[in-house]
């Protein structure tokens, strides 16, 4: 049965408008994105099959173009549309941060950093640069490493912070293993960066380690 023949309260689009986006399942949200199904399958049926094929929503959203376009009902146009949606989401979060104090929006800051870093297959060390009001200047992925480590050079971090006239920074990096627990080397490089930036009167407000679905804050651990 086509979705248009379903009771109105059960149609994903109408359900979203009446009950809000949180009321929809992953399959219903994906069905709205897909818009149409394939022969003999509604958009919801197709969405359920795709979620089963990929093992969930996130693996589908982060699939490579080649992998994504091999799936039934998907293609280059849908891939481009999806990338645009994901990028709009990231830009929306950074705009929200830029309008307010990053220190008074710790959950938004964490979600933005997770969205920006968690899906890399290699380790990426990034700097969230803040002005003297602790408002966001920009996020800069500065160093890229292997699956296990990233080479972080304090001189480059200090140079970037001075160029952007940052008064404070939040450090962040991902653990491709998915485990967010900081290592000894993570703590050591944080201390080195604190010392180097401190010589320029630039504060390190936090270091957030991004894992799979979790993040660890050095500030919350009392390590800064």
Protein backbone atom coordinates (compact mmCIF):
# COMPACT_ATOMS: atom_id res chain seq x y z
CA UNK A 1 0.00 0.00 0.00
CA UNK A 2 1.33 3.44 -0.93
CA UNK A 3 1.94 5.87 1.93
CA UNK A 4 -0.69 8.23 0.54
CA UNK A 5 -3.26 5.53 1.23
CA UNK A 6 -2.26 5.21 4.89
CA UNK A 7 -4.30 6.88 7.65
CA UNK A 8 -3.13 10.48 7.81
CA UNK A 9 -1.84 10.17 11.40
CA UNK A 10 0.50 7.34 10.31
CA UNK A 11 2.07 9.08 7.31
CA UNK A 12 5.62 10.20 8.26
CA UNK A 13 5.32 13.75 6.94
CA UNK A 14 1.93 14.40 8.52
CA UNK A 15 3.04 12.72 11.74
CA UNK A 16 6.07 15.04 11.90
CA UNK A 17 3.92 18.13 11.39
CA UNK A 18 1.35 17.07 13.98
CA UNK A 19 3.54 15.49 16.66
CA UNK A 20 7.01 16.91 16.08
CA UNK A 21 10.16 15.37 14.67
CA UNK A 22 11.01 13.46 17.88
CA UNK A 23 7.92 11.28 17.43
CA UNK A 24 9.32 9.67 14.26
CA UNK A 25 11.37 6.49 14.09
CA UNK A 26 14.64 6.34 12.15
CA UNK A 27 12.82 4.62 9.29
CA UNK A 28 10.15 7.32 9.16
CA UNK A 29 12.74 10.11 9.15
CA UNK A 30 14.68 8.38 6.40
CA UNK A 31 11.46 7.85 4.42
CA UNK A 32 10.83 11.61 4.42
CA UNK A 33 14.34 12.13 3.07
CA UNK A 34 13.87 9.43 0.39
CA UNK A 35 10.45 10.85 -0.59
CA UNK A 36 9.62 7.83 -2.78
CA UNK A 37 10.06 4.09 -2.60
CA UNK A 38 10.71 1.61 -5.38
CA UNK A 39 8.43 -0.74 -7.26
CA UNK A 40 6.38 -2.67 -4.73
CA UNK A 41 7.91 -0.83 -1.75
CA UNK A 42 6.81 2.30 0.03
CA UNK A 43 9.41 4.83 1.14
CA UNK A 44 9.09 3.48 4.69
CA UNK A 45 9.61 -0.12 3.49
CA UNK A 46 12.71 0.97 1.57
CA UNK A 47 13.97 2.94 4.57
CA UNK A 48 13.63 -0.12 6.83
CA UNK A 49 15.53 -2.27 4.35
CA UNK A 50 18.32 0.31 4.08
CA UNK A 51 18.65 0.59 7.85
CA UNK A 52 18.90 -3.18 8.10
CA UNK A 53 21.42 -3.32 5.24
CA UNK A 54 23.70 -0.68 6.80
CA UNK A 55 23.15 -1.62 10.41
CA UNK A 56 21.60 1.67 11.46
CA UNK A 57 21.15 5.30 10.55
CA UNK A 58 24.66 6.56 11.24
CA UNK A 59 26.48 4.00 9.03
CA UNK A 60 24.12 4.98 6.21
CA UNK A 61 24.68 8.71 6.72
CA UNK A 62 28.46 8.31 6.78
CA UNK A 63 28.78 5.83 3.92
CA UNK A 64 31.11 6.66 1.04
CA UNK A 65 29.58 7.85 -2.21
CA UNK A 66 30.43 4.58 -3.93
CA UNK A 67 28.88 2.47 -1.18
CA UNK A 68 25.82 4.71 -0.86
CA UNK A 69 25.04 4.72 -4.57
CA UNK A 70 25.14 0.91 -4.80
CA UNK A 71 22.01 0.61 -2.65
CA UNK A 72 18.54 0.19 -4.08
CA UNK A 73 16.68 3.50 -4.31
CA UNK A 74 19.77 5.65 -3.80
CA UNK A 75 22.12 7.37 -6.23
CA UNK A 76 24.30 10.41 -6.83
CA UNK A 77 21.43 12.89 -6.50
CA UNK A 78 20.40 11.45 -3.12
CA UNK A 79 24.05 11.39 -1.99
CA UNK A 80 24.47 15.07 -2.88
CA UNK A 81 21.23 15.91 -1.13
CA UNK A 82 22.32 14.04 1.99
CA UNK A 83 25.71 15.76 2.12
CA UNK A 84 23.99 19.13 1.84
CA UNK A 85 21.66 18.27 4.74
CA UNK A 86 24.56 17.12 6.94
CA UNK A 87 26.60 20.22 6.17
CA UNK A 88 23.64 22.50 6.90
CA UNK A 89 23.29 20.79 10.27
CA UNK A 90 26.96 21.39 11.09
CA UNK A 91 26.76 25.02 9.99
CA UNK A 92 23.60 25.54 12.02
CA UNK A 93 25.38 24.32 15.15
CA UNK A 94 28.40 26.55 14.62
CA UNK A 95 26.12 29.56 14.04
CA UNK A 96 24.37 28.79 17.33
CA UNK A 97 27.74 28.64 19.07
CA UNK A 98 28.90 31.87 17.45
CA UNK A 99 25.86 33.72 18.81
CA UNK A 100 26.59 32.73 22.40
CA UNK A 101 29.25 31.96 24.94
CA UNK A 102 30.78 28.53 24.31
CA UNK A 103 31.25 28.07 28.05
CA UNK A 104 27.54 28.51 28.72
CA UNK A 105 26.66 26.05 25.93
CA UNK A 106 28.79 23.02 26.86
CA UNK A 107 26.34 20.46 25.48
CA UNK A 108 26.01 22.29 22.14
CA UNK A 109 29.80 22.64 21.98
CA UNK A 110 30.20 18.93 22.60
CA UNK A 111 27.58 17.98 20.01
CA UNK A 112 29.20 20.24 17.42
CA UNK A 113 32.63 18.72 18.02
CA UNK A 114 31.19 15.21 17.90
CA UNK A 115 29.42 15.93 14.61
CA UNK A 116 32.60 17.43 13.18
CA UNK A 117 35.14 14.79 14.25
CA UNK A 118 33.60 11.45 15.18
CA UNK A 119 33.32 9.94 11.68
CA UNK A 120 36.93 10.31 10.58
CA UNK A 121 38.67 6.96 10.07
CA UNK A 122 41.95 8.55 11.17
CA UNK A 123 42.78 10.70 14.15
CA UNK A 124 42.20 14.44 13.72
CA UNK A 125 43.30 17.09 16.21
CA UNK A 126 41.25 20.30 15.99
CA UNK A 127 41.23 23.69 17.68
CA UNK A 128 38.05 25.59 18.52
CA UNK A 129 39.22 29.22 18.61
CA UNK A 130 37.38 31.66 20.88
CA UNK A 131 37.50 35.44 21.28
CA UNK A 132 37.78 37.30 24.60
CA UNK A 133 34.02 36.88 25.12
CA UNK A 134 34.43 33.12 24.62
CA UNK A 135 32.45 33.30 21.40
CA UNK A 136 33.51 31.00 18.57
CA UNK A 137 35.83 32.35 15.89
CA UNK A 138 36.19 29.09 13.97
CA UNK A 139 37.00 25.40 14.24
CA UNK A 140 40.26 24.38 12.56
CA UNK A 141 41.23 20.71 12.04
CA UNK A 142 44.96 21.24 12.43
CA UNK A 143 46.67 17.84 12.54
CA UNK A 144 45.85 14.52 10.95
CA UNK A 145 47.35 11.25 12.11
CA UNK A 146 47.11 7.50 11.73
CA UNK A 147 44.43 5.33 13.29
CA UNK A 148 46.40 5.46 16.54
CA UNK A 149 47.92 8.89 16.92
CA UNK A 150 48.34 12.40 15.60
CA UNK A 151 51.51 14.47 15.70
CA UNK A 152 50.62 17.73 17.45
CA UNK A 153 53.07 20.64 17.28
CA UNK A 154 52.57 23.37 19.92
CA UNK A 155 54.30 25.96 17.71
CA UNK A 156 51.64 25.53 15.01
CA UNK A 157 48.82 25.76 17.56
CA UNK A 158 50.22 28.98 19.02
CA UNK A 159 50.78 30.44 15.53
CA UNK A 160 47.18 29.72 14.54
CA UNK A 161 45.75 31.16 17.75
CA UNK A 162 47.75 34.37 17.32
CA UNK A 163 46.80 34.71 13.65
CA UNK A 164 43.11 34.41 14.55
CA UNK A 165 43.50 36.71 17.58
CA UNK A 166 42.07 34.04 19.84
CA UNK A 167 41.91 34.70 23.58
CA UNK A 168 41.09 31.09 24.45
CA UNK A 169 40.82 27.69 22.80
CA UNK A 170 39.08 24.38 23.25
CA UNK A 171 41.17 21.45 22.05
CA UNK A 172 39.47 18.43 20.52
CA UNK A 173 40.41 15.20 18.82
CA UNK A 174 38.74 11.95 17.90
CA UNK A 175 39.59 8.35 18.74
CA UNK A 176 38.77 6.25 15.66
CA UNK A 177 38.64 3.19 17.92
CA UNK A 178 35.41 4.63 19.31
CA UNK A 179 36.70 4.65 22.89
CA UNK A 180 36.83 8.22 24.20
CA UNK A 181 38.98 7.57 27.27
CA UNK A 182 42.03 9.89 27.07
CA UNK A 183 45.47 8.31 26.90
CA UNK A 184 48.61 9.36 28.75
CA UNK A 185 49.88 11.01 25.58
CA UNK A 186 46.59 12.97 25.32
CA UNK A 187 47.19 14.37 28.80
CA UNK A 188 50.85 15.07 28.07
CA UNK A 189 50.18 17.05 24.87
CA UNK A 190 47.45 18.99 26.66
CA UNK A 191 49.95 20.08 29.31
CA UNK A 192 52.46 21.08 26.62
CA UNK A 193 49.85 23.13 24.77
CA UNK A 194 48.69 24.77 28.00
CA UNK A 195 52.23 25.87 28.71
CA UNK A 196 52.92 27.10 25.17
CA UNK A 197 49.63 28.99 24.83
CA UNK A 198 49.89 30.33 28.36
CA UNK A 199 53.08 32.18 27.40
CA UNK A 200 50.89 34.16 24.97
CA UNK A 201 48.09 34.65 27.54
CA UNK A 202 45.81 32.28 25.61
CA UNK A 203 43.77 30.01 27.87
CA UNK A 204 43.02 26.34 27.21
CA UNK A 205 39.46 26.00 28.45
CA UNK A 206 38.99 22.31 27.70
CA UNK A 207 40.20 19.32 25.74
CA UNK A 208 37.40 17.10 24.50
CA UNK A 209 38.10 13.58 23.26
CA UNK A 210 35.48 12.27 20.84
CA UNK A 211 34.57 8.60 20.70
CA UNK A 212 31.66 6.70 19.21
CA UNK A 213 28.59 8.21 20.86
CA UNK A 214 30.54 9.62 23.80
CA UNK A 215 32.94 12.42 24.63
CA UNK A 216 35.28 13.02 27.56
CA UNK A 217 35.98 16.53 28.84
CA UNK A 218 39.31 17.26 30.53
CA UNK A 219 37.69 20.21 32.33
CA UNK A 220 34.96 17.99 33.78
CA UNK A 221 37.63 15.53 34.94
CA UNK A 222 39.44 18.36 36.74
CA UNK A 223 42.55 17.98 34.59
CA UNK A 224 42.75 21.64 33.52
